[in-house]
Amino acid sequence: MICRIWHGWTFPADADAYERLLRTEIFQGIEARDIPGYEGIELLRRPAADSVEFVTLMWFDSLDAVRAFAGADHEMAVVPAAARALLCRFDPRSAHYEVRQARAVPPSAIPEASDWETKIRELEEQARLAFLQADTDTLAALWADDFTVNSPHERVHHKAQVLSLLAAGRIRHSTYQCEIEQVTRHGDVAVVMGRDRVTDPPDGAVTRRRYTNVWQLRDGRWRAITRHAQVATRSEAGS
């Protein structure tokens, strides 16, 4: 068994966004490659003096499996562009160790209370990407049938209406960024509050909004049931 160890650092303001990127995109992308001999990944995090340190430990059954992941120069760090944009520095090369003895992590060492929050944050990211890409199939699966939006245009839209507007291209953003500020749970309901920033074609106008998204646990699945968004500021392109 081979353990591949890598370190990266972010500024404190970027730490949560970086961890979210790892959990919702990069780690899932590695799993989707279905690399023979890849056994999994672990993530460690700790605050430093002026940064936040992240450590990844990847497990492979051989160096050949490592090469299938990283390429012929298997020590070269694999850092996607989206991750580089959030990191302030990182190891250019990974270290590889032969595992001489392994120990299973006891269930008590893994916090359970945050499992639901991690899932909600993953779903929020899936919804953001689907909305940006006008992926109505994904949104239809994430939104409950009675999903409603209190839009910043002073209208209430239902699920079918929003999906129709997206499919017709009447709602379209060239960029869509979200910053979650708070996630709380009240029984089977989770409430997400934050702010987002969208750029609209063709003029490139930028709109900043405050938003609240509400999810409900139904039949073992979290489904979005309502959203409220309010315009904070709007500026024309170049302003």
C-alpha atoms as a PDB file:
ATOM      1  CA  MET A   1       0.000   0.000   0.000  1.00  0.00           C
ATOM      2  CA  ILE A   2       1.261   3.484  -0.954  1.00  0.00           C
ATOM      3  CA  CYS A   3       0.291   6.722   0.790  1.00  0.00           C
ATOM      4  CA  ARG A   4       0.660   9.927  -1.270  1.00  0.00           C
ATOM      5  CA  ILE A   5       0.958  13.043   0.927  1.00  0.00           C
ATOM      6  CA  TRP A   6       0.575  16.624  -0.275  1.00  0.00           C
ATOM      7  CA  HIS A   7       0.286  20.019   1.451  1.00  0.00           C
ATOM      8  CA  GLY A   8      -1.457  23.200   0.326  1.00  0.00           C
ATOM      9  CA  TRP A   9      -2.199  26.506   2.044  1.00  0.00           C
ATOM     10  CA  THR A  10      -4.915  29.119   1.585  1.00  0.00           C
ATOM     11  CA  PHE A  11      -5.487  32.518   3.099  1.00  0.00           C
ATOM     12  CA  PRO A  12      -8.074  32.216   5.922  1.00  0.00           C
ATOM     13  CA  ALA A  13     -10.772  33.945   3.848  1.00  0.00           C
ATOM     14  CA  ASP A  14     -10.461  31.284   1.123  1.00  0.00           C
ATOM     15  CA  ALA A  15     -10.258  28.194   3.340  1.00  0.00           C
ATOM     16  CA  ASP A  16     -13.948  27.264   3.413  1.00  0.00           C
ATOM     17  CA  ALA A  17     -14.338  27.785  -0.334  1.00  0.00           C
ATOM     18  CA  TYR A  18     -11.281  25.615  -0.992  1.00  0.00           C
ATOM     19  CA  GLU A  19     -12.510  22.816   1.257  1.00  0.00           C
ATOM     20  CA  ARG A  20     -15.907  22.978  -0.437  1.00  0.00           C
ATOM     21  CA  LEU A  21     -14.246  22.746  -3.858  1.00  0.00           C
ATOM     22  CA  LEU A  22     -12.316  19.674  -2.750  1.00  0.00           C
ATOM     23  CA  ARG A  23     -15.355  17.920  -1.323  1.00  0.00           C
ATOM     24  CA  THR A  24     -17.898  18.726  -4.028  1.00  0.00           C
ATOM     25  CA  GLU A  25     -15.804  18.714  -7.211  1.00  0.00           C
ATOM     26  CA  ILE A  26     -12.200  17.541  -7.032  1.00  0.00           C
ATOM     27  CA  PHE A  27     -12.619  14.453  -4.838  1.00  0.00           C
ATOM     28  CA  GLN A  28     -15.734  13.400  -6.730  1.00  0.00           C
ATOM     29  CA  GLY A  29     -13.862  13.883 -10.004  1.00  0.00           C
ATOM     30  CA  ILE A  30     -11.095  11.564  -8.817  1.00  0.00           C
ATOM     31  CA  GLU A  31     -13.669   8.927  -7.836  1.00  0.00           C
ATOM     32  CA  ALA A  32     -15.331   9.255 -11.243  1.00  0.00           C
ATOM     33  CA  ARG A  33     -12.039   8.341 -12.986  1.00  0.00           C
ATOM     34  CA  ASP A  34     -12.375   4.855 -11.510  1.00  0.00           C
ATOM     35  CA  ILE A  35      -8.580   4.399 -11.339  1.00  0.00           C
ATOM     36  CA  PRO A  36      -7.551   0.759 -10.760  1.00  0.00           C
ATOM     37  CA  GLY A  37      -5.709   0.517  -7.437  1.00  0.00           C
ATOM     38  CA  TYR A  38      -6.979   3.830  -6.053  1.00  0.00           C
ATOM     39  CA  GLU A  39      -8.210   3.172  -2.505  1.00  0.00           C
ATOM     40  CA  GLY A  40      -9.449   6.576  -1.328  1.00  0.00           C
ATOM     41  CA  ILE A  41      -8.460   9.986   0.018  1.00  0.00           C
ATOM     42  CA  GLU A  42      -8.408  11.742   3.400  1.00  0.00           C
ATOM     43  CA  LEU A  43      -8.355  15.477   4.098  1.00  0.00           C
ATOM     44  CA  LEU A  44      -6.722  17.217   7.071  1.00  0.00           C
ATOM     45  CA  ARG A  45      -6.979  20.905   7.961  1.00  0.00           C
ATOM     46  CA  ARG A  46      -5.441  23.194  10.576  1.00  0.00           C
ATOM     47  CA  PRO A  47      -5.055  26.972  11.068  1.00  0.00           C
ATOM     48  CA  ALA A  48      -1.562  28.458  10.778  1.00  0.00           C
ATOM     49  CA  ALA A  49      -0.260  31.923  11.673  1.00  0.00           C
ATOM     50  CA  ASP A  50      -1.473  33.710   8.538  1.00  0.00           C
ATOM     51  CA  SER A  51      -2.957  30.859   6.525  1.00  0.00           C
ATOM     52  CA  VAL A  52      -4.840  27.580   6.692  1.00  0.00           C
ATOM     53  CA  GLU A  53      -2.975  24.362   5.936  1.00  0.00           C
ATOM     54  CA  PHE A  54      -4.570  21.430   4.117  1.00  0.00           C
ATOM     55  CA  VAL A  55      -3.072  17.957   3.832  1.00  0.00           C
ATOM     56  CA  THR A  56      -4.337  15.239   1.513  1.00  0.00           C
ATOM     57  CA  LEU A  57      -3.494  11.582   2.018  1.00  0.00           C
ATOM     58  CA  MET A  58      -4.259   9.413  -0.987  1.00  0.00           C
ATOM     59  CA  TRP A  59      -4.114   5.641  -0.818  1.00  0.00           C
ATOM     60  CA  PHE A  60      -3.046   3.380  -3.698  1.00  0.00           C
ATOM     61  CA  ASP A  61      -2.222  -0.306  -3.861  1.00  0.00           C
ATOM     62  CA  SER A  62       0.945   0.289  -5.942  1.00  0.00           C
ATOM     63  CA  LEU A  63       3.106   2.926  -7.608  1.00  0.00           C
ATOM     64  CA  ASP A  64       1.593   1.888 -10.941  1.00  0.00           C
ATOM     65  CA  ALA A  65      -1.779   3.004  -9.578  1.00  0.00           C
ATOM     66  CA  VAL A  66      -0.193   6.316  -8.529  1.00  0.00           C
ATOM     67  CA  ARG A  67       1.122   6.782 -12.080  1.00  0.00           C
ATOM     68  CA  ALA A  68      -2.343   6.067 -13.470  1.00  0.00           C
ATOM     69  CA  PHE A  69      -3.533   9.011 -11.371  1.00  0.00           C
ATOM     70  CA  ALA A  70      -0.640  11.486 -11.677  1.00  0.00           C
ATOM     71  CA  GLY A  71       1.191  10.481 -14.862  1.00  0.00           C
ATOM     72  CA  ALA A  72       4.698   9.202 -15.581  1.00  0.00           C
ATOM     73  CA  ASP A  73       6.270  11.814 -13.279  1.00  0.00           C
ATOM     74  CA  HIS A  74       4.207  10.460 -10.425  1.00  0.00           C
ATOM     75  CA  GLU A  75       5.582  12.835  -7.778  1.00  0.00           C
ATOM     76  CA  MET A  76       4.307  15.906  -9.635  1.00  0.00           C
ATOM     77  CA  ALA A  77       1.438  17.548  -7.719  1.00  0.00           C
ATOM     78  CA  VAL A  78      -1.960  17.357  -9.409  1.00  0.00           C
ATOM     79  CA  VAL A  79      -3.588  20.743  -8.735  1.00  0.00           C
ATOM     80  CA  PRO A  80      -6.511  21.799 -10.974  1.00  0.00           C
ATOM     81  CA  ALA A  81      -6.809  25.440 -12.025  1.00  0.00           C
ATOM     82  CA  ALA A  82      -9.822  26.046  -9.773  1.00  0.00           C
ATOM     83  CA  ALA A  83      -7.775  24.916  -6.772  1.00  0.00           C
ATOM     84  CA  ARG A  84      -4.745  27.009  -7.750  1.00  0.00           C
ATOM     85  CA  ALA A  85      -7.005  30.081  -7.793  1.00  0.00           C
ATOM     86  CA  LEU A  86      -7.760  29.598  -4.064  1.00  0.00           C
ATOM     87  CA  LEU A  87      -4.346  28.441  -2.828  1.00  0.00           C
ATOM     88  CA  CYS A  88      -1.667  30.902  -1.726  1.00  0.00           C
ATOM     89  CA  ARG A  89       1.051  28.225  -1.957  1.00  0.00           C
ATOM     90  CA  PHE A  90       1.386  24.463  -2.272  1.00  0.00           C
ATOM     91  CA  ASP A  91       3.880  21.625  -2.540  1.00  0.00           C
ATOM     92  CA  PRO A  92       4.955  21.300  -6.187  1.00  0.00           C
ATOM     93  CA  ARG A  93       5.640  17.612  -5.619  1.00  0.00           C
ATOM     94  CA  SER A  94       3.953  14.962  -3.504  1.00  0.00           C
ATOM     95  CA  ALA A  95       5.727  12.524  -1.194  1.00  0.00           C
ATOM     96  CA  HIS A  96       5.057   8.795  -1.359  1.00  0.00           C
ATOM     97  CA  TYR A  97       5.422   6.350   1.517  1.00  0.00           C
ATOM     98  CA  GLU A  98       5.125   2.608   1.716  1.00  0.00           C
ATOM     99  CA  VAL A  99       2.573   1.821   4.410  1.00  0.00           C
ATOM    100  CA  ARG A 100       4.085  -0.511   6.976  1.00  0.00           C
ATOM    101  CA  GLN A 101       1.132  -0.626   9.355  1.00  0.00           C
ATOM    102  CA  ALA A 102      -2.389   0.801   9.021  1.00  0.00           C
ATOM    103  CA  ARG A 103      -5.038   1.461  11.623  1.00  0.00           C
ATOM    104  CA  ALA A 104      -8.758   1.885  11.047  1.00  0.00           C
ATOM    105  CA  VAL A 105     -10.169   5.222  12.219  1.00  0.00           C
ATOM    106  CA  PRO A 106     -12.756   4.612  14.967  1.00  0.00           C
ATOM    107  CA  PRO A 107     -16.242   5.943  14.161  1.00  0.00           C
ATOM    108  CA  SER A 108     -16.096   8.155  17.261  1.00  0.00           C
ATOM    109  CA  ALA A 109     -13.207  10.102  15.697  1.00  0.00           C
ATOM    110  CA  ILE A 110     -15.401  11.326  12.852  1.00  0.00           C
ATOM    111  CA  PRO A 111     -17.850  14.061  13.858  1.00  0.00           C
ATOM    112  CA  GLU A 112     -21.413  13.103  12.985  1.00  0.00           C
ATOM    113  CA  ALA A 113     -23.081  16.410  13.716  1.00  0.00           C
ATOM    114  CA  SER A 114     -21.663  18.041  10.601  1.00  0.00           C
ATOM    115  CA  ASP A 115     -22.585  15.253   8.184  1.00  0.00           C
ATOM    116  CA  TRP A 116     -25.868  16.898   7.276  1.00  0.00           C
ATOM    117  CA  GLU A 117     -24.213  20.292   6.785  1.00  0.00           C
ATOM    118  CA  THR A 118     -21.587  18.808   4.482  1.00  0.00           C
ATOM    119  CA  LYS A 119     -24.391  17.274   2.420  1.00  0.00           C
ATOM    120  CA  ILE A 120     -26.316  20.550   2.232  1.00  0.00           C
ATOM    121  CA  ARG A 121     -23.204  22.415   1.099  1.00  0.00           C
ATOM    122  CA  GLU A 122     -22.613  19.775  -1.585  1.00  0.00           C
ATOM    123  CA  LEU A 123     -26.201  20.111  -2.795  1.00  0.00           C
ATOM    124  CA  GLU A 124     -25.905  23.910  -2.850  1.00  0.00           C
ATOM    125  CA  GLU A 125     -22.844  23.612  -5.076  1.00  0.00           C
ATOM    126  CA  GLN A 126     -24.587  21.133  -7.370  1.00  0.00           C
ATOM    127  CA  ALA A 127     -27.527  23.522  -7.696  1.00  0.00           C
ATOM    128  CA  ARG A 128     -25.245  26.480  -8.425  1.00  0.00           C
ATOM    129  CA  LEU A 129     -23.419  24.651 -11.207  1.00  0.00           C
ATOM    130  CA  ALA A 130     -26.655  23.279 -12.660  1.00  0.00           C
ATOM    131  CA  PHE A 131     -28.244  26.749 -12.710  1.00  0.00           C
ATOM    132  CA  LEU A 132     -25.167  28.261 -14.358  1.00  0.00           C
ATOM    133  CA  GLN A 133     -25.191  25.532 -17.025  1.00  0.00           C
ATOM    134  CA  ALA A 134     -29.002  25.589 -17.426  1.00  0.00           C
ATOM    135  CA  ASP A 135     -29.001  21.902 -16.485  1.00  0.00           C
ATOM    136  CA  THR A 136     -32.732  21.545 -15.922  1.00  0.00           C
ATOM    137  CA  ASP A 137     -32.577  17.768 -15.358  1.00  0.00           C
ATOM    138  CA  THR A 138     -30.270  18.161 -12.351  1.00  0.00           C
ATOM    139  CA  LEU A 139     -32.320  21.025 -10.946  1.00  0.00           C
ATOM    140  CA  ALA A 140     -35.535  19.061 -11.376  1.00  0.00           C
ATOM    141  CA  ALA A 141     -34.016  16.294  -9.236  1.00  0.00           C
ATOM    142  CA  LEU A 142     -32.724  18.697  -6.570  1.00  0.00           C
ATOM    143  CA  TRP A 143     -35.920  20.754  -6.272  1.00  0.00           C
ATOM    144  CA  ALA A 144     -39.075  19.406  -4.658  1.00  0.00           C
ATOM    145  CA  ASP A 145     -42.222  19.417  -6.784  1.00  0.00           C
ATOM    146  CA  ASP A 146     -43.603  22.283  -4.674  1.00  0.00           C
ATOM    147  CA  PHE A 147     -40.383  24.325  -4.921  1.00  0.00           C
ATOM    148  CA  THR A 148     -40.993  28.090  -5.122  1.00  0.00           C
ATOM    149  CA  VAL A 149     -38.775  31.146  -5.648  1.00  0.00           C
ATOM    150  CA  ASN A 150     -39.455  34.639  -4.332  1.00  0.00           C
ATOM    151  CA  SER A 151     -37.343  36.282  -7.020  1.00  0.00           C
ATOM    152  CA  PRO A 152     -35.561  39.634  -6.869  1.00  0.00           C
ATOM    153  CA  HIS A 153     -37.862  40.759  -9.703  1.00  0.00           C
ATOM    154  CA  GLU A 154     -40.773  40.915  -7.262  1.00  0.00           C
ATOM    155  CA  ARG A 155     -42.403  37.738  -8.513  1.00  0.00           C
ATOM    156  CA  VAL A 156     -43.064  34.299  -7.089  1.00  0.00           C
ATOM    157  CA  HIS A 157     -42.165  31.487  -9.476  1.00  0.00           C
ATOM    158  CA  HIS A 158     -42.923  27.794  -9.147  1.00  0.00           C
ATOM    159  CA  LYS A 159     -40.619  24.960 -10.129  1.00  0.00           C
ATOM    160  CA  ALA A 160     -42.055  24.391 -13.605  1.00  0.00           C
ATOM    161  CA  GLN A 161     -41.909  28.108 -14.395  1.00  0.00           C
ATOM    162  CA  VAL A 162     -38.253  28.459 -13.433  1.00  0.00           C
ATOM    163  CA  LEU A 163     -37.247  25.349 -15.381  1.00  0.00           C
ATOM    164  CA  SER A 164     -39.131  26.636 -18.424  1.00  0.00           C
ATOM    165  CA  LEU A 165     -37.410  30.036 -18.235  1.00  0.00           C
ATOM    166  CA  LEU A 166     -34.010  28.355 -17.990  1.00  0.00           C
ATOM    167  CA  ALA A 167     -34.701  25.998 -20.892  1.00  0.00           C
ATOM    168  CA  ALA A 168     -35.821  28.934 -23.053  1.00  0.00           C
ATOM    169  CA  GLY A 169     -32.700  30.950 -22.212  1.00  0.00           C
ATOM    170  CA  ARG A 170     -34.701  33.708 -20.542  1.00  0.00           C
ATOM    171  CA  ILE A 171     -32.661  33.238 -17.384  1.00  0.00           C
ATOM    172  CA  ARG A 172     -28.971  33.018 -18.119  1.00  0.00           C
ATOM    173  CA  HIS A 173     -25.803  34.028 -16.251  1.00  0.00           C
ATOM    174  CA  SER A 174     -22.289  34.063 -17.664  1.00  0.00           C
ATOM    175  CA  THR A 175     -20.880  33.814 -14.115  1.00  0.00           C
ATOM    176  CA  TYR A 176     -22.532  32.788 -10.842  1.00  0.00           C
ATOM    177  CA  GLN A 177     -20.625  32.820  -7.543  1.00  0.00           C
ATOM    178  CA  CYS A 178     -22.041  32.027  -4.110  1.00  0.00           C
ATOM    179  CA  GLU A 179     -20.734  32.537  -0.605  1.00  0.00           C
ATOM    180  CA  ILE A 180     -22.537  30.623   2.122  1.00  0.00           C
ATOM    181  CA  GLU A 181     -22.448  32.530   5.401  1.00  0.00           C
ATOM    182  CA  GLN A 182     -24.592  30.326   7.613  1.00  0.00           C
ATOM    183  CA  VAL A 183     -26.224  26.894   7.565  1.00  0.00           C
ATOM    184  CA  THR A 184     -28.665  25.968  10.328  1.00  0.00           C
ATOM    185  CA  ARG A 185     -30.928  22.997  10.924  1.00  0.00           C
ATOM    186  CA  HIS A 186     -34.386  22.935  12.499  1.00  0.00           C
ATOM    187  CA  GLY A 187     -35.565  19.342  12.645  1.00  0.00           C
ATOM    188  CA  ASP A 188     -36.001  18.136   9.070  1.00  0.00           C
ATOM    189  CA  VAL A 189     -35.431  21.624   7.614  1.00  0.00           C
ATOM    190  CA  ALA A 190     -32.062  23.209   6.757  1.00  0.00           C
ATOM    191  CA  VAL A 191     -31.726  26.936   6.095  1.00  0.00           C
ATOM    192  CA  VAL A 192     -28.854  28.364   4.052  1.00  0.00           C
ATOM    193  CA  MET A 193     -28.117  32.097   4.107  1.00  0.00           C
ATOM    194  CA  GLY A 194     -25.499  33.946   2.110  1.00  0.00           C
ATOM    195  CA  ARG A 195     -24.732  36.217  -0.775  1.00  0.00           C
ATOM    196  CA  ASP A 196     -24.132  35.679  -4.455  1.00  0.00           C
ATOM    197  CA  ARG A 197     -22.831  37.532  -7.487  1.00  0.00           C
ATOM    198  CA  VAL A 198     -24.030  37.019 -11.059  1.00  0.00           C
ATOM    199  CA  THR A 199     -22.914  38.458 -14.366  1.00  0.00           C
ATOM    200  CA  ASP A 200     -25.578  38.686 -17.055  1.00  0.00           C
ATOM    201  CA  PRO A 201     -25.026  38.611 -20.816  1.00  0.00           C
ATOM    202  CA  PRO A 202     -24.854  40.401 -23.144  1.00  0.00           C
ATOM    203  CA  ASP A 203     -23.934  43.648 -21.349  1.00  0.00           C
ATOM    204  CA  GLY A 204     -21.963  42.088 -18.501  1.00  0.00           C
ATOM    205  CA  ALA A 205     -24.000  43.762 -15.782  1.00  0.00           C
ATOM    206  CA  VAL A 206     -23.054  42.514 -12.309  1.00  0.00           C
ATOM    207  CA  THR A 207     -25.715  41.927  -9.663  1.00  0.00           C
ATOM    208  CA  ARG A 208     -24.978  41.193  -6.027  1.00  0.00           C
ATOM    209  CA  ARG A 209     -27.761  39.583  -4.022  1.00  0.00           C
ATOM    210  CA  ARG A 210     -28.609  38.339  -0.547  1.00  0.00           C
ATOM    211  CA  TYR A 211     -30.316  34.952  -0.535  1.00  0.00           C
ATOM    212  CA  THR A 212     -31.936  32.314   1.641  1.00  0.00           C
ATOM    213  CA  ASN A 213     -32.393  28.720   0.474  1.00  0.00           C
ATOM    214  CA  VAL A 214     -34.498  26.211   2.395  1.00  0.00           C
ATOM    215  CA  TRP A 215     -34.051  22.415   2.155  1.00  0.00           C
ATOM    216  CA  GLN A 216     -36.238  19.710   3.661  1.00  0.00           C
ATOM    217  CA  LEU A 217     -35.453  16.073   4.372  1.00  0.00           C
ATOM    218  CA  ARG A 218     -38.111  14.029   2.577  1.00  0.00           C
ATOM    219  CA  ASP A 219     -38.068  10.240   2.348  1.00  0.00           C
ATOM    220  CA  GLY A 220     -34.385  10.211   3.258  1.00  0.00           C
ATOM    221  CA  ARG A 221     -33.365  12.869   0.693  1.00  0.00           C
ATOM    222  CA  TRP A 222     -32.704  16.578   1.055  1.00  0.00           C
ATOM    223  CA  ARG A 223     -34.830  18.541  -1.439  1.00  0.00           C
ATOM    224  CA  ALA A 224     -34.882  22.318  -1.999  1.00  0.00           C
ATOM    225  CA  ILE A 225     -38.338  23.658  -1.175  1.00  0.00           C
ATOM    226  CA  THR A 226     -37.997  27.446  -1.412  1.00  0.00           C
ATOM    227  CA  ARG A 227     -35.600  30.284  -2.219  1.00  0.00           C
ATOM    228  CA  HIS A 228     -35.691  34.006  -1.568  1.00  0.00           C
ATOM    229  CA  ALA A 229     -33.280  36.436  -3.237  1.00  0.00           C
ATOM    230  CA  GLN A 230     -32.995  40.201  -2.929  1.00  0.00           C
ATOM    231  CA  VAL A 231     -30.798  42.538  -4.969  1.00  0.00           C
ATOM    232  CA  ALA A 232     -28.140  44.271  -2.864  1.00  0.00           C
ATOM    233  CA  THR A 233     -26.349  46.179  -5.649  1.00  0.00           C
ATOM    234  CA  ARG A 234     -26.312  46.229  -9.429  1.00  0.00           C
ATOM    235  CA  SER A 235     -23.679  47.771 -11.682  1.00  0.00           C
ATOM    236  CA  GLU A 236     -23.301  48.017 -15.438  1.00  0.00           C
ATOM    237  CA  ALA A 237     -20.329  46.515 -17.256  1.00  0.00           C
ATOM    238  CA  GLY A 238     -17.134  48.414 -16.616  1.00  0.00           C
ATOM    239  CA  SER A 239     -18.527  50.352 -13.668  1.00  0.00           C
END
